Amino acid sequence: MEFFKHIHSRRGFKVKMENIIEIKNLTKKFKGFTAVDDISFNVKQGEIFAFLGPNGAGKTTTIKMLTTLADPTSGKIIINGFDPAKDSDNVRASFGIVFQDPSLDDDLTAYENLDMHGMLYKVKERNRRERIKTLLEFVELWDRRDDLVKHFSGGMKRRLEIARGFLHHPKVLFLDEPTIGLDPQTRNHIWNYLRKMNKEEGTTVFLTTHYMEEADKVSDKIAIIDHGKIIAQGTSKELKKQTNTNSLETAFLALTGKEIREEKVRNQAMSGRARAWRK
């Protein structure tokens, strides 16, 4: 069954892969502390791109800059051909995001949460109704559409957040620890949904995760950041070869060390700042 009619690209087809995210010499400083230090990388359209690093490595700060929640100190960002410094509205319209922390309205139904999101992104009513039905069926929540979200399990809420992130046909979906705290069965279902959406709609997926086996299994390309710098990039196979290891986890530890990290800069929860681009 084909779930989606508006297909941008498909894996396996001979299409020219352009960079949908371009980062050049990106830096962010906080009162003498450099959280992100002159990093550069590209993400191709349709890729599943994993951005990995220990606590305090600069992952969240980087995502905040990519999603217009923080301004860079210096460097260049291009998202879907737009520069956030000059055209933040088009950048925000180009992506969806699933936050690490819950960001649904518990006092609304599943349907109402998606409907409100669609209105904020100016999705026309008829298209919005059709899209909501398609997505809720896709994440197996259509039968619960009229239930208040406060009664949902953690896994159901995460599935609803993923549906919401795809509602306005984003070119890029940012996922900040999308499966943290979920049981293995639910995590597996989440990734089945995401990979199918990635294939059907050609949506680029940019994710952070602490589950190395998850990144190993789903990612086309991986970048590892540590102490604010990109220290390695490539496929999982390439990173294992580079470090002479046989798993992504051991490759990650070989590159970043084994000491426990503490956050150097305490960031506010991203969900609390989601309204920044909804205004």
Foldseek 3Di string as FASTA:
>chain_A
DALDDQAPDFPPDPDDWDFQKWWAQFWADDPHATQAGGETDTDTQLFAEEEEEAASLNPVVVVCCQLVVDPTPDTFIHGRNDTCVVCVLVSNLQFFEDFPDQQFDQAAFLQVRLVVLCVLSPPDPVLLVSLSCSLCVLLVNNVRRRPGNVPDDPLVSLSSSVSSRPRSPHQEYEYEQSCPPHDPVSVVSVVVSVVVCSRSHSRYYYYYHPPQVVCLPRGPKYWYGGSNYTQDIGHLVVLCVVQVHDGSVVSNCSRHPDDHDDHPDDDDGVSVCVCVNSD
